[in-house]
Amino acid sequence: MAYKITEECIACGACEPECPNEAITEGEEIYVIDPDKCTECVGAFDESQCAAVCPVDCCVPDPEHEESKEELQAKYEKLHG
């Protein structure tokens, strides 16, 4: 499943450069993750980099965008050729 950023986001920007898919952008008040680009870092890293660097633990799995590891890998390959 894709990750999402909760309202606890302090807009520090630590997550944005860590995303291998450029799925994270600055929103009006907090950063946001594009679920069409988020692969939970499958294909690039062993763990989700946004969650690993977030100082307030607001990068969490989004239950509205559940995908299998295979689907996430296919999405990563489609994004990166």
N, C-alpha and C. Protein backbone atom coordinates (compact mmCIF):
# COMPACT_ATOMS: atom_id res chain seq x y z
N MET A 1 0.84 -1.18 0.00
CA MET A 1 0.00 0.00 0.00
C MET A 1 0.88 1.23 0.00
N ALA A 2 0.37 2.27 -0.53
CA ALA A 2 1.10 3.53 -0.53
C ALA A 2 1.15 4.09 0.89
N TYR A 3 2.06 4.98 1.10
CA TYR A 3 2.14 5.68 2.38
C TYR A 3 1.39 7.00 2.26
N LYS A 4 1.05 7.57 3.40
CA LYS A 4 0.45 8.90 3.45
C LYS A 4 1.12 9.67 4.57
N ILE A 5 0.94 10.97 4.55
CA ILE A 5 1.50 11.83 5.59
C ILE A 5 0.33 12.37 6.40
N THR A 6 0.40 12.18 7.70
CA THR A 6 -0.71 12.59 8.57
C THR A 6 -0.61 14.07 8.93
N GLU A 7 -1.65 14.55 9.59
CA GLU A 7 -1.73 15.95 9.99
C GLU A 7 -0.65 16.36 10.99
N GLU A 8 0.02 15.39 11.59
CA GLU A 8 1.09 15.70 12.53
C GLU A 8 2.34 16.24 11.85
N CYS A 9 2.36 16.24 10.52
CA CYS A 9 3.51 16.72 9.74
C CYS A 9 3.88 18.13 10.17
N ILE A 10 5.18 18.34 10.39
CA ILE A 10 5.68 19.67 10.78
C ILE A 10 6.30 20.40 9.59
N ALA A 11 6.11 19.85 8.38
CA ALA A 11 6.59 20.45 7.14
C ALA A 11 8.09 20.73 7.15
N CYS A 12 8.84 19.79 7.72
CA CYS A 12 10.30 19.98 7.79
C CYS A 12 10.98 19.68 6.46
N GLY A 13 10.34 18.87 5.62
CA GLY A 13 10.90 18.57 4.32
C GLY A 13 11.91 17.43 4.29
N ALA A 14 12.14 16.76 5.40
CA ALA A 14 13.13 15.69 5.45
C ALA A 14 12.78 14.53 4.51
N CYS A 15 11.53 14.27 4.32
CA CYS A 15 11.09 13.13 3.52
C CYS A 15 11.23 13.33 2.02
N GLU A 16 11.00 14.54 1.55
CA GLU A 16 10.92 14.80 0.10
C GLU A 16 12.15 14.31 -0.68
N PRO A 17 13.36 14.67 -0.29
CA PRO A 17 14.52 14.22 -1.09
C PRO A 17 14.84 12.73 -0.95
N GLU A 18 14.25 12.06 0.03
CA GLU A 18 14.52 10.64 0.26
C GLU A 18 13.70 9.73 -0.63
N CYS A 19 12.63 10.23 -1.20
CA CYS A 19 11.73 9.40 -2.01
C CYS A 19 12.35 9.08 -3.37
N PRO A 20 12.56 7.80 -3.67
CA PRO A 20 13.17 7.43 -4.95
C PRO A 20 12.24 7.63 -6.15
N ASN A 21 10.96 7.85 -5.89
CA ASN A 21 9.98 7.99 -6.96
C ASN A 21 9.47 9.42 -7.13
N GLU A 22 10.01 10.35 -6.36
CA GLU A 22 9.55 11.74 -6.38
C GLU A 22 8.05 11.83 -6.15
N ALA A 23 7.55 11.00 -5.22
CA ALA A 23 6.13 10.95 -4.91
C ALA A 23 5.72 11.98 -3.85
N ILE A 24 6.69 12.58 -3.19
CA ILE A 24 6.39 13.51 -2.10
C ILE A 24 6.59 14.94 -2.56
N THR A 25 5.56 15.75 -2.32
CA THR A 25 5.63 17.16 -2.67
C THR A 25 5.10 18.00 -1.52
N GLU A 26 5.44 19.27 -1.56
CA GLU A 26 4.96 20.19 -0.53
C GLU A 26 3.53 20.60 -0.85
N GLY A 27 2.64 20.35 0.12
CA GLY A 27 1.25 20.76 -0.04
C GLY A 27 1.06 22.16 0.54
N GLU A 28 -0.18 22.57 0.70
CA GLU A 28 -0.45 23.90 1.24
C GLU A 28 0.04 24.05 2.67
N GLU A 29 -0.20 23.03 3.49
CA GLU A 29 0.20 23.11 4.89
C GLU A 29 1.19 22.02 5.29
N ILE A 30 1.05 20.84 4.69
CA ILE A 30 1.93 19.71 5.00
C ILE A 30 2.38 19.07 3.70
N TYR A 31 3.37 18.20 3.79
CA TYR A 31 3.80 17.45 2.62
C TYR A 31 2.78 16.37 2.31
N VAL A 32 2.70 15.99 1.03
CA VAL A 32 1.74 14.98 0.59
C VAL A 32 2.46 13.93 -0.26
N ILE A 33 1.90 12.73 -0.26
CA ILE A 33 2.44 11.63 -1.05
C ILE A 33 1.44 11.26 -2.13
N ASP A 34 1.90 11.19 -3.38
CA ASP A 34 1.08 10.78 -4.51
C ASP A 34 1.01 9.25 -4.49
N PRO A 35 -0.16 8.67 -4.21
CA PRO A 35 -0.26 7.21 -4.13
C PRO A 35 0.04 6.51 -5.45
N ASP A 36 -0.09 7.22 -6.56
CA ASP A 36 0.21 6.62 -7.87
C ASP A 36 1.71 6.47 -8.10
N LYS A 37 2.52 7.16 -7.29
CA LYS A 37 3.97 7.06 -7.42
C LYS A 37 4.62 6.34 -6.24
N CYS A 38 3.91 6.21 -5.13
CA CYS A 38 4.48 5.59 -3.94
C CYS A 38 4.52 4.08 -4.08
N THR A 39 5.71 3.50 -3.88
CA THR A 39 5.87 2.05 -3.93
C THR A 39 6.36 1.51 -2.58
N GLU A 40 6.25 2.30 -1.53
CA GLU A 40 6.78 1.94 -0.20
C GLU A 40 8.28 1.67 -0.31
N CYS A 41 8.91 2.23 -1.33
CA CYS A 41 10.33 2.05 -1.63
C CYS A 41 10.68 0.65 -2.11
N VAL A 42 9.66 -0.18 -2.39
CA VAL A 42 9.90 -1.49 -3.00
C VAL A 42 10.59 -1.24 -4.34
N GLY A 43 11.65 -1.97 -4.59
CA GLY A 43 12.42 -1.80 -5.81
C GLY A 43 13.64 -0.94 -5.62
N ALA A 44 13.66 -0.15 -4.54
CA ALA A 44 14.79 0.75 -4.30
C ALA A 44 15.45 0.51 -2.95
N PHE A 45 14.66 0.29 -1.91
CA PHE A 45 15.18 0.14 -0.55
C PHE A 45 14.42 -0.96 0.18
N ASP A 46 14.98 -1.41 1.30
CA ASP A 46 14.34 -2.45 2.11
C ASP A 46 13.25 -1.90 3.02
N GLU A 47 13.23 -0.59 3.23
CA GLU A 47 12.20 0.03 4.07
C GLU A 47 11.81 1.37 3.48
N SER A 48 10.65 1.85 3.84
CA SER A 48 10.16 3.13 3.35
C SER A 48 11.03 4.25 3.90
N GLN A 49 11.67 4.98 3.02
CA GLN A 49 12.62 6.00 3.42
C GLN A 49 11.95 7.20 4.09
N CYS A 50 10.75 7.55 3.65
CA CYS A 50 10.07 8.69 4.27
C CYS A 50 9.81 8.42 5.75
N ALA A 51 9.34 7.20 6.05
CA ALA A 51 9.07 6.84 7.43
C ALA A 51 10.36 6.77 8.24
N ALA A 52 11.43 6.33 7.60
CA ALA A 52 12.70 6.18 8.31
C ALA A 52 13.29 7.53 8.74
N VAL A 53 13.06 8.58 7.94
CA VAL A 53 13.67 9.88 8.26
C VAL A 53 12.72 10.86 8.94
N CYS A 54 11.44 10.55 9.00
CA CYS A 54 10.47 11.49 9.57
C CYS A 54 10.68 11.66 11.08
N PRO A 55 10.93 12.89 11.53
CA PRO A 55 11.19 13.11 12.95
C PRO A 55 9.95 13.01 13.84
N VAL A 56 8.76 13.05 13.26
CA VAL A 56 7.54 12.98 14.06
C VAL A 56 6.68 11.76 13.71
N ASP A 57 7.24 10.83 12.98
CA ASP A 57 6.55 9.57 12.63
C ASP A 57 5.18 9.78 12.01
N CYS A 58 5.10 10.70 11.05
CA CYS A 58 3.80 10.95 10.42
C CYS A 58 3.67 10.33 9.03
N CYS A 59 4.68 9.59 8.58
CA CYS A 59 4.60 8.85 7.33
C CYS A 59 4.15 7.43 7.66
N VAL A 60 2.92 7.11 7.29
CA VAL A 60 2.32 5.84 7.69
C VAL A 60 1.66 5.16 6.49
N PRO A 61 1.48 3.83 6.55
CA PRO A 61 0.78 3.14 5.47
C PRO A 61 -0.65 3.67 5.33
N ASP A 62 -1.08 3.80 4.08
CA ASP A 62 -2.42 4.31 3.77
C ASP A 62 -3.33 3.13 3.44
N PRO A 63 -4.23 2.76 4.35
CA PRO A 63 -5.10 1.60 4.11
C PRO A 63 -6.03 1.75 2.91
N GLU A 64 -6.18 2.95 2.39
CA GLU A 64 -7.03 3.17 1.22
C GLU A 64 -6.31 2.81 -0.08
N HIS A 65 -5.01 2.50 0.00
CA HIS A 65 -4.23 2.17 -1.19
C HIS A 65 -3.41 0.90 -0.96
N GLU A 66 -4.10 -0.21 -0.74
CA GLU A 66 -3.42 -1.49 -0.49
C GLU A 66 -2.94 -2.10 -1.80
N GLU A 67 -1.68 -2.56 -1.79
CA GLU A 67 -1.10 -3.23 -2.95
C GLU A 67 -0.15 -4.31 -2.45
N SER A 68 -0.01 -5.36 -3.24
CA SER A 68 0.92 -6.44 -2.88
C SER A 68 2.34 -6.00 -3.22
N LYS A 69 3.32 -6.73 -2.71
CA LYS A 69 4.72 -6.45 -3.03
C LYS A 69 4.95 -6.54 -4.54
N GLU A 70 4.28 -7.49 -5.18
CA GLU A 70 4.42 -7.65 -6.62
C GLU A 70 3.87 -6.43 -7.37
N GLU A 71 2.73 -5.94 -6.93
CA GLU A 71 2.14 -4.75 -7.55
C GLU A 71 3.03 -3.53 -7.34
N LEU A 72 3.60 -3.40 -6.13
CA LEU A 72 4.49 -2.28 -5.84
C LEU A 72 5.76 -2.37 -6.70
N GLN A 73 6.30 -3.57 -6.87
CA GLN A 73 7.48 -3.76 -7.70
C GLN A 73 7.17 -3.40 -9.16
N ALA A 74 6.02 -3.83 -9.65
CA ALA A 74 5.62 -3.51 -11.02
C ALA A 74 5.45 -2.00 -11.21
N LYS A 75 4.89 -1.34 -10.21
CA LYS A 75 4.73 0.12 -10.27
C LYS A 75 6.09 0.80 -10.32
N TYR A 76 7.02 0.31 -9.48
CA TYR A 76 8.38 0.89 -9.46
C TYR A 76 9.04 0.73 -10.83
N GLU A 77 8.93 -0.46 -11.41
CA GLU A 77 9.53 -0.71 -12.72
C GLU A 77 8.90 0.15 -13.82
N LYS A 78 7.60 0.38 -13.73
CA LYS A 78 6.91 1.24 -14.69
C LYS A 78 7.40 2.69 -14.56
N LEU A 79 7.60 3.14 -13.33
CA LEU A 79 8.07 4.52 -13.10
C LEU A 79 9.52 4.73 -13.53
N HIS A 80 10.33 3.68 -13.45
CA HIS A 80 11.75 3.83 -13.71
C HIS A 80 12.24 3.16 -14.99
N GLY A 81 11.32 2.59 -15.74
CA GLY A 81 11.68 1.99 -17.03
C GLY A 81 12.34 0.73 -16.97
